[in-house]
N, C-alpha and C. Protein backbone atom coordinates (compact mmCIF):
# COMPACT_ATOMS: atom_id res chain seq x y z
N GLN A 1 4.41 5.79 -13.54
CA GLN A 1 4.00 5.55 -12.57
C GLN A 1 2.80 5.00 -12.55
N VAL A 2 2.17 4.17 -11.66
CA VAL A 2 0.62 3.51 -11.75
C VAL A 2 0.09 3.89 -10.12
N GLN A 3 -1.21 4.41 -10.26
CA GLN A 3 -2.00 4.48 -9.51
C GLN A 3 -2.91 3.36 -9.48
N LEU A 4 -3.15 3.11 -8.30
CA LEU A 4 -3.85 1.78 -8.39
C LEU A 4 -5.31 2.27 -7.34
N VAL A 5 -6.65 2.21 -7.27
CA VAL A 5 -7.44 2.46 -6.61
C VAL A 5 -9.21 1.32 -6.34
N GLU A 6 -8.96 0.86 -5.28
CA GLU A 6 -9.68 -0.53 -5.53
C GLU A 6 -11.32 0.11 -4.50
N SER A 7 -11.79 -0.69 -4.93
CA SER A 7 -13.54 -0.32 -4.69
C SER A 7 -14.52 -1.48 -4.81
N GLY A 8 -15.42 -1.65 -4.02
CA GLY A 8 -16.31 -2.63 -3.89
C GLY A 8 -16.47 -3.37 -3.08
N GLY A 9 -15.54 -3.47 -2.06
CA GLY A 9 -15.92 -4.09 -0.65
C GLY A 9 -16.90 -3.40 0.11
N GLY A 10 -17.25 -4.27 1.21
CA GLY A 10 -18.53 -4.01 1.98
C GLY A 10 -19.05 -5.31 3.13
N LEU A 11 -19.93 -5.14 3.43
CA LEU A 11 -20.33 -6.33 4.18
C LEU A 11 -21.24 -7.24 4.52
N VAL A 12 -21.12 -8.36 4.12
CA VAL A 12 -21.99 -9.59 3.37
C VAL A 12 -22.21 -10.96 4.37
N GLN A 13 -22.94 -11.66 4.32
CA GLN A 13 -23.45 -12.67 4.70
C GLN A 13 -23.17 -14.12 3.82
N ALA A 14 -22.25 -14.59 4.86
CA ALA A 14 -21.45 -16.23 4.07
C ALA A 14 -22.64 -15.92 2.99
N GLY A 15 -22.03 -17.11 1.61
CA GLY A 15 -23.03 -17.25 0.61
C GLY A 15 -22.83 -16.17 -0.25
N ASP A 16 -22.66 -14.90 -0.15
CA ASP A 16 -23.04 -14.29 -0.77
C ASP A 16 -22.16 -13.62 -2.43
N SER A 17 -22.01 -12.71 -3.01
CA SER A 17 -21.38 -12.24 -3.88
C SER A 17 -20.85 -11.20 -3.64
N LEU A 18 -19.18 -10.68 -4.16
CA LEU A 18 -19.03 -9.33 -4.16
C LEU A 18 -18.14 -9.20 -5.45
N ARG A 19 -18.22 -8.01 -6.44
CA ARG A 19 -17.84 -7.84 -6.78
C ARG A 19 -16.23 -6.70 -6.74
N LEU A 20 -15.39 -6.95 -6.51
CA LEU A 20 -14.29 -5.94 -6.74
C LEU A 20 -13.48 -5.19 -7.92
N SER A 21 -13.36 -3.91 -8.25
CA SER A 21 -12.84 -3.27 -8.57
C SER A 21 -11.67 -3.16 -8.55
N CYS A 22 -10.67 -2.75 -9.24
CA CYS A 22 -9.22 -1.70 -9.30
C CYS A 22 -8.82 -1.48 -10.53
N ALA A 23 -9.24 0.25 -10.55
CA ALA A 23 -8.92 1.12 -11.40
C ALA A 23 -7.25 1.22 -11.78
N ALA A 24 -6.53 1.41 -12.40
CA ALA A 24 -5.09 2.41 -12.63
C ALA A 24 -5.35 3.17 -13.68
N SER A 25 -4.46 4.24 -13.49
CA SER A 25 -4.05 5.27 -13.73
C SER A 25 -3.16 5.19 -15.09
N GLY A 26 -2.62 6.22 -15.91
CA GLY A 26 -2.01 5.90 -16.74
C GLY A 26 -2.52 5.07 -18.27
N ARG A 27 -1.91 5.00 -19.14
CA ARG A 27 -1.41 4.44 -20.70
C ARG A 27 -1.20 2.91 -20.75
N THR A 28 -0.75 2.55 -19.57
CA THR A 28 0.31 1.36 -19.71
C THR A 28 -0.56 0.54 -18.98
N PHE A 29 -1.48 0.28 -18.68
CA PHE A 29 -1.95 -0.99 -18.14
C PHE A 29 -1.89 -2.21 -18.97
N SER A 30 -1.81 -2.38 -20.00
CA SER A 30 -1.84 -3.53 -20.27
C SER A 30 -0.83 -4.17 -20.65
N THR A 31 0.37 -3.51 -19.75
CA THR A 31 1.88 -4.42 -19.82
C THR A 31 1.96 -4.68 -18.27
N TYR A 32 1.11 -4.33 -17.50
CA TYR A 32 1.27 -5.02 -16.29
C TYR A 32 0.51 -6.57 -16.09
N GLY A 33 1.02 -6.82 -15.29
CA GLY A 33 0.72 -8.53 -15.03
C GLY A 33 -0.41 -7.91 -13.63
N MET A 34 -1.49 -8.23 -12.87
CA MET A 34 -2.14 -7.72 -12.41
C MET A 34 -2.39 -8.83 -11.01
N GLY A 35 -2.63 -8.49 -9.93
CA GLY A 35 -3.11 -9.77 -8.58
C GLY A 35 -3.63 -8.96 -7.83
N TRP A 36 -4.47 -9.78 -7.23
CA TRP A 36 -5.06 -9.52 -5.64
C TRP A 36 -5.01 -10.29 -5.05
N PHE A 37 -4.46 -9.40 -3.66
CA PHE A 37 -4.11 -9.92 -2.33
C PHE A 37 -4.53 -10.21 -1.17
N ARG A 38 -4.78 -10.17 -0.29
CA ARG A 38 -5.65 -9.49 0.88
C ARG A 38 -5.01 -9.99 2.54
N GLN A 39 -5.59 -9.48 3.32
CA GLN A 39 -4.83 -9.62 4.51
C GLN A 39 -5.77 -9.33 5.50
N ALA A 40 -5.67 -10.49 6.28
CA ALA A 40 -6.97 -10.31 7.37
C ALA A 40 -5.98 -9.66 8.81
N PRO A 41 -6.71 -9.60 9.72
CA PRO A 41 -6.38 -8.92 10.87
C PRO A 41 -5.11 -9.96 11.61
N GLY A 42 -4.04 -9.87 11.79
CA GLY A 42 -3.34 -10.31 12.77
C GLY A 42 -2.49 -11.55 12.07
N LYS A 43 -3.29 -11.46 10.77
CA LYS A 43 -2.36 -12.40 9.52
C LYS A 43 -1.23 -11.32 8.34
N GLU A 44 -0.42 -12.12 7.82
CA GLU A 44 0.68 -11.97 6.53
C GLU A 44 -0.67 -11.45 5.73
N ARG A 45 -0.31 -11.06 5.14
CA ARG A 45 -0.65 -10.62 3.53
C ARG A 45 -0.55 -11.76 2.23
N GLU A 46 -1.31 -12.24 2.07
CA GLU A 46 -1.71 -13.55 1.08
C GLU A 46 -2.32 -13.55 -0.68
N PHE A 47 -1.55 -14.11 -1.54
CA PHE A 47 -2.03 -14.04 -2.50
C PHE A 47 -3.02 -14.34 -2.33
N VAL A 48 -4.47 -14.12 -3.90
CA VAL A 48 -6.04 -14.70 -4.02
C VAL A 48 -5.69 -14.90 -5.45
N ALA A 49 -5.39 -14.04 -6.18
CA ALA A 49 -5.23 -14.33 -7.51
C ALA A 49 -4.50 -13.33 -8.42
N TYR A 50 -3.99 -14.01 -9.85
CA TYR A 50 -3.16 -13.21 -10.39
C TYR A 50 -3.79 -13.13 -11.91
N ILE A 51 -3.71 -11.99 -12.61
CA ILE A 51 -4.51 -12.15 -14.32
C ILE A 51 -3.16 -12.07 -15.04
N SER A 52 -2.64 -12.35 -16.29
CA SER A 52 -0.98 -12.04 -17.09
C SER A 52 -1.83 -10.39 -17.36
N ARG A 53 -0.69 -9.97 -18.50
CA ARG A 53 -1.40 -8.33 -19.34
C ARG A 53 -2.28 -9.03 -20.42
N SER A 54 -2.33 -9.87 -21.02
CA SER A 54 -3.51 -10.40 -21.88
C SER A 54 -4.73 -10.44 -21.38
N GLY A 55 -4.69 -11.17 -20.10
CA GLY A 55 -5.83 -11.81 -19.73
C GLY A 55 -5.88 -13.35 -20.16
N THR A 56 -5.19 -14.01 -20.90
CA THR A 56 -5.08 -15.12 -21.21
C THR A 56 -4.87 -16.03 -20.11
N SER A 57 -4.06 -15.49 -19.00
CA SER A 57 -3.71 -16.72 -17.88
C SER A 57 -4.04 -16.27 -16.54
N THR A 58 -4.36 -17.38 -15.94
CA THR A 58 -4.62 -16.75 -14.12
C THR A 58 -4.68 -17.57 -13.76
N TYR A 59 -4.35 -17.44 -12.51
CA TYR A 59 -4.24 -18.31 -11.13
C TYR A 59 -4.96 -17.93 -9.88
N TYR A 60 -4.91 -18.86 -8.92
CA TYR A 60 -5.91 -18.62 -7.89
C TYR A 60 -5.09 -19.20 -6.44
N GLN A 61 -5.28 -19.05 -5.47
CA GLN A 61 -4.76 -19.50 -4.73
C GLN A 61 -6.16 -20.63 -4.31
N ASP A 62 -5.73 -21.64 -4.15
CA ASP A 62 -6.05 -23.03 -3.60
C ASP A 62 -7.33 -23.02 -3.28
N SER A 63 -7.80 -22.02 -2.19
CA SER A 63 -8.38 -21.59 -1.26
C SER A 63 -10.01 -20.78 -1.87
N VAL A 64 -9.20 -20.29 -2.56
CA VAL A 64 -10.89 -19.44 -3.83
C VAL A 64 -10.93 -20.06 -5.21
N LYS A 65 -10.35 -21.15 -5.53
CA LYS A 65 -10.66 -21.38 -6.64
C LYS A 65 -11.86 -22.23 -6.45
N GLY A 66 -12.50 -22.16 -8.06
CA GLY A 66 -14.04 -22.00 -8.42
C GLY A 66 -15.02 -21.48 -7.65
N ARG A 67 -14.67 -20.60 -6.55
CA ARG A 67 -15.22 -19.31 -6.28
C ARG A 67 -15.20 -18.14 -6.83
N PHE A 68 -13.63 -17.66 -6.83
CA PHE A 68 -13.65 -16.41 -7.02
C PHE A 68 -12.75 -16.59 -8.87
N THR A 69 -13.26 -15.24 -8.94
CA THR A 69 -12.87 -14.98 -11.24
C THR A 69 -12.52 -13.72 -11.25
N ILE A 70 -10.75 -13.72 -11.67
CA ILE A 70 -10.40 -12.66 -11.90
C ILE A 70 -10.13 -12.49 -13.21
N SER A 71 -10.78 -10.90 -13.88
CA SER A 71 -10.61 -10.69 -15.17
C SER A 71 -9.78 -9.15 -15.18
N ARG A 72 -9.90 -8.60 -16.18
CA ARG A 72 -9.43 -7.35 -16.78
C ARG A 72 -10.45 -6.96 -17.81
N ASP A 73 -10.47 -5.49 -17.93
CA ASP A 73 -10.81 -4.79 -19.42
C ASP A 73 -9.54 -4.37 -19.80
N ASN A 74 -8.89 -3.92 -20.31
CA ASN A 74 -7.54 -3.33 -20.30
C ASN A 74 -7.91 -1.74 -21.15
N ALA A 75 -9.37 -2.07 -22.04
CA ALA A 75 -9.82 -0.84 -22.65
C ALA A 75 -10.21 0.19 -21.52
N LYS A 76 -10.74 -0.66 -20.47
CA LYS A 76 -11.32 0.50 -19.31
C LYS A 76 -10.37 0.87 -18.38
N ASN A 77 -9.00 -0.24 -18.13
CA ASN A 77 -7.88 -0.06 -17.53
C ASN A 77 -8.41 -0.44 -16.10
N THR A 78 -8.74 -1.34 -15.89
CA THR A 78 -9.26 -2.07 -14.73
C THR A 78 -9.52 -2.94 -14.58
N VAL A 79 -9.21 -3.64 -13.27
CA VAL A 79 -8.84 -5.26 -13.37
C VAL A 79 -10.35 -5.96 -11.83
N TYR A 80 -10.76 -7.03 -11.94
CA TYR A 80 -11.72 -7.04 -11.49
C TYR A 80 -11.52 -8.77 -10.66
N VAL A 81 -12.40 -8.90 -9.51
CA VAL A 81 -12.34 -9.95 -8.68
C VAL A 81 -13.78 -10.06 -8.66
N GLN A 82 -14.16 -11.38 -8.94
CA GLN A 82 -15.72 -11.77 -8.96
C GLN A 82 -15.89 -12.72 -7.52
N MET A 83 -16.30 -12.32 -6.53
CA MET A 83 -16.56 -13.41 -5.33
C MET A 83 -17.39 -13.58 -5.34
N ASN A 84 -17.91 -15.34 -5.26
CA ASN A 84 -18.98 -16.26 -4.79
C ASN A 84 -19.19 -16.94 -3.99
N SER A 85 -20.03 -17.69 -3.21
CA SER A 85 -20.12 -18.04 -2.07
C SER A 85 -18.75 -17.69 -0.79
N LEU A 86 -19.05 -16.38 -0.34
CA LEU A 86 -17.80 -16.28 0.10
C LEU A 86 -18.26 -16.80 1.37
N LYS A 87 -17.22 -16.83 2.45
CA LYS A 87 -17.35 -17.33 3.45
C LYS A 87 -16.39 -16.33 4.42
N PRO A 88 -16.27 -16.57 5.86
CA PRO A 88 -16.01 -15.83 6.53
C PRO A 88 -14.51 -15.51 6.90
N GLU A 89 -13.86 -16.66 6.52
CA GLU A 89 -12.27 -16.40 6.49
C GLU A 89 -12.05 -16.28 5.23
N ASP A 90 -13.01 -15.51 4.07
CA ASP A 90 -12.66 -14.44 3.24
C ASP A 90 -12.32 -12.96 3.87
N THR A 91 -13.03 -13.22 5.05
CA THR A 91 -12.62 -11.65 5.69
C THR A 91 -11.43 -11.39 5.57
N ALA A 92 -10.74 -9.72 5.12
CA ALA A 92 -9.77 -9.22 4.87
C ALA A 92 -9.93 -8.00 4.41
N VAL A 93 -8.70 -7.44 4.35
CA VAL A 93 -8.69 -6.00 3.74
C VAL A 93 -8.05 -6.89 2.10
N TYR A 94 -8.83 -6.20 0.90
CA TYR A 94 -8.10 -6.88 -0.46
C TYR A 94 -7.39 -5.66 -1.27
N TYR A 95 -6.42 -6.03 -1.27
CA TYR A 95 -5.25 -5.42 -2.37
C TYR A 95 -5.17 -5.78 -3.94
N CYS A 96 -5.27 -4.85 -4.82
CA CYS A 96 -4.65 -4.90 -6.20
C CYS A 96 -3.10 -4.41 -6.50
N ALA A 97 -2.32 -4.92 -7.03
CA ALA A 97 -1.25 -4.67 -7.44
C ALA A 97 -0.92 -4.92 -8.87
N ALA A 98 -0.07 -4.30 -8.82
CA ALA A 98 0.82 -4.23 -10.63
C ALA A 98 1.92 -4.80 -10.86
N ARG A 99 2.38 -5.64 -11.94
CA ARG A 99 3.89 -5.99 -11.91
C ARG A 99 4.56 -5.65 -13.30
N ILE A 100 5.47 -5.26 -13.65
CA ILE A 100 5.56 -5.18 -14.48
C ILE A 100 6.55 -6.39 -15.28
N SER A 101 7.33 -7.51 -14.26
CA SER A 101 7.32 -8.47 -14.60
C SER A 101 6.95 -9.67 -14.69
N TYR A 102 7.04 -10.60 -15.65
CA TYR A 102 6.45 -11.49 -15.87
C TYR A 102 6.84 -13.01 -15.69
N GLY A 103 5.78 -14.32 -15.87
CA GLY A 103 6.39 -15.29 -15.49
C GLY A 103 6.28 -15.86 -13.61
N LEU A 104 7.15 -16.50 -13.11
CA LEU A 104 6.85 -17.04 -12.13
C LEU A 104 7.02 -15.93 -11.12
N GLY A 105 6.87 -16.09 -9.86
CA GLY A 105 6.72 -14.90 -8.63
C GLY A 105 5.17 -14.54 -8.50
N TYR A 106 4.26 -14.63 -9.77
CA TYR A 106 3.40 -13.52 -9.34
C TYR A 106 2.36 -13.86 -8.04
N ALA A 107 2.76 -15.07 -7.20
CA ALA A 107 1.91 -14.89 -5.79
C ALA A 107 2.49 -14.30 -4.95
N GLU A 108 3.65 -14.08 -5.33
CA GLU A 108 5.09 -13.37 -4.23
C GLU A 108 4.70 -11.84 -4.48
N SER A 109 4.21 -10.93 -3.34
CA SER A 109 4.03 -9.73 -2.95
C SER A 109 5.54 -8.77 -3.35
N GLU A 110 6.45 -9.48 -3.03
CA GLU A 110 7.62 -8.61 -3.70
C GLU A 110 8.17 -8.53 -5.02
N THR A 111 7.59 -8.79 -6.21
CA THR A 111 7.53 -8.98 -6.91
C THR A 111 6.39 -8.09 -8.19
N TYR A 112 5.87 -7.35 -6.90
CA TYR A 112 5.07 -6.16 -7.79
C TYR A 112 5.84 -4.83 -7.33
N ASP A 113 4.86 -4.32 -8.42
CA ASP A 113 5.48 -2.65 -8.53
C ASP A 113 4.75 -1.59 -8.26
N TYR A 114 3.46 -1.92 -7.90
CA TYR A 114 2.63 -0.52 -7.46
C TYR A 114 1.18 -1.51 -6.86
N TRP A 115 1.11 -0.89 -6.00
CA TRP A 115 -0.54 -1.04 -4.91
C TRP A 115 -1.26 -0.12 -4.85
N GLY A 116 -2.32 -0.92 -4.45
CA GLY A 116 -3.68 -0.26 -3.94
C GLY A 116 -3.92 -0.08 -2.85
N GLN A 117 -4.70 0.65 -1.98
CA GLN A 117 -4.83 1.36 -1.02
C GLN A 117 -5.51 -0.07 0.19
N GLY A 118 -6.58 -0.47 -0.70
CA GLY A 118 -6.42 -1.70 0.18
C GLY A 118 -8.29 -1.43 0.17
N THR A 119 -9.13 -2.10 -0.12
CA THR A 119 -10.74 -2.04 0.47
C THR A 119 -11.30 -3.75 1.05
N GLN A 120 -11.86 -2.96 2.28
CA GLN A 120 -12.50 -3.96 3.51
C GLN A 120 -13.31 -5.09 2.94
N VAL A 121 -13.31 -5.99 2.76
CA VAL A 121 -14.26 -7.57 3.01
C VAL A 121 -14.47 -8.00 4.01
N THR A 122 -15.79 -7.67 4.72
CA THR A 122 -16.10 -8.41 5.64
C THR A 122 -17.22 -9.65 5.66
N VAL A 123 -17.72 -10.51 5.85
CA VAL A 123 -18.22 -11.99 5.57
C VAL A 123 -18.56 -12.65 7.10
N SER A 124 -19.97 -11.99 6.93
CA SER A 124 -20.43 -12.55 8.10
C SER A 124 -21.37 -13.69 8.16
N SER A 125 -21.22 -14.59 9.36
CA SER A 125 -21.40 -16.03 9.40
C SER A 125 -23.00 -15.90 9.51
C-alpha cells in the first residue's frame, strides 16, 4: 500500500512558476513509476508527465513539453513537477499517481495503482 500526498499548489499569474511535490509513504517508492495528471473543471483527467522508477526516463504531454519538468528523489520518497511559464489553461487539480507496471501505458490513468488527493493550481491571466 502506498499513500501519496501532493503539495505546492496555489494561485499564480500567467508566466509564473510553481513546483508541486508528492510525498509517498512506504519503503518501496523506487519500485513505482510515477505520474502527474490534472483535471480542469468540466474536463476529463489528463496525463501531464511520467517518470520511470529509476528516473532515467521521462515523458510529457505535448502541451507542457519545454515548460514542465518531472523529477524524483527516491531517497526522500518524493516526486516533483517543476512548472514554468504557466498559462491559464494549466489551471486544474493536479494529482500524482504511482504504478507498479512499467513500459507502455504510462499516459493511461487506468494503469496506475495509487492516487493522491490532488492539489489545486490556478493561473490567472
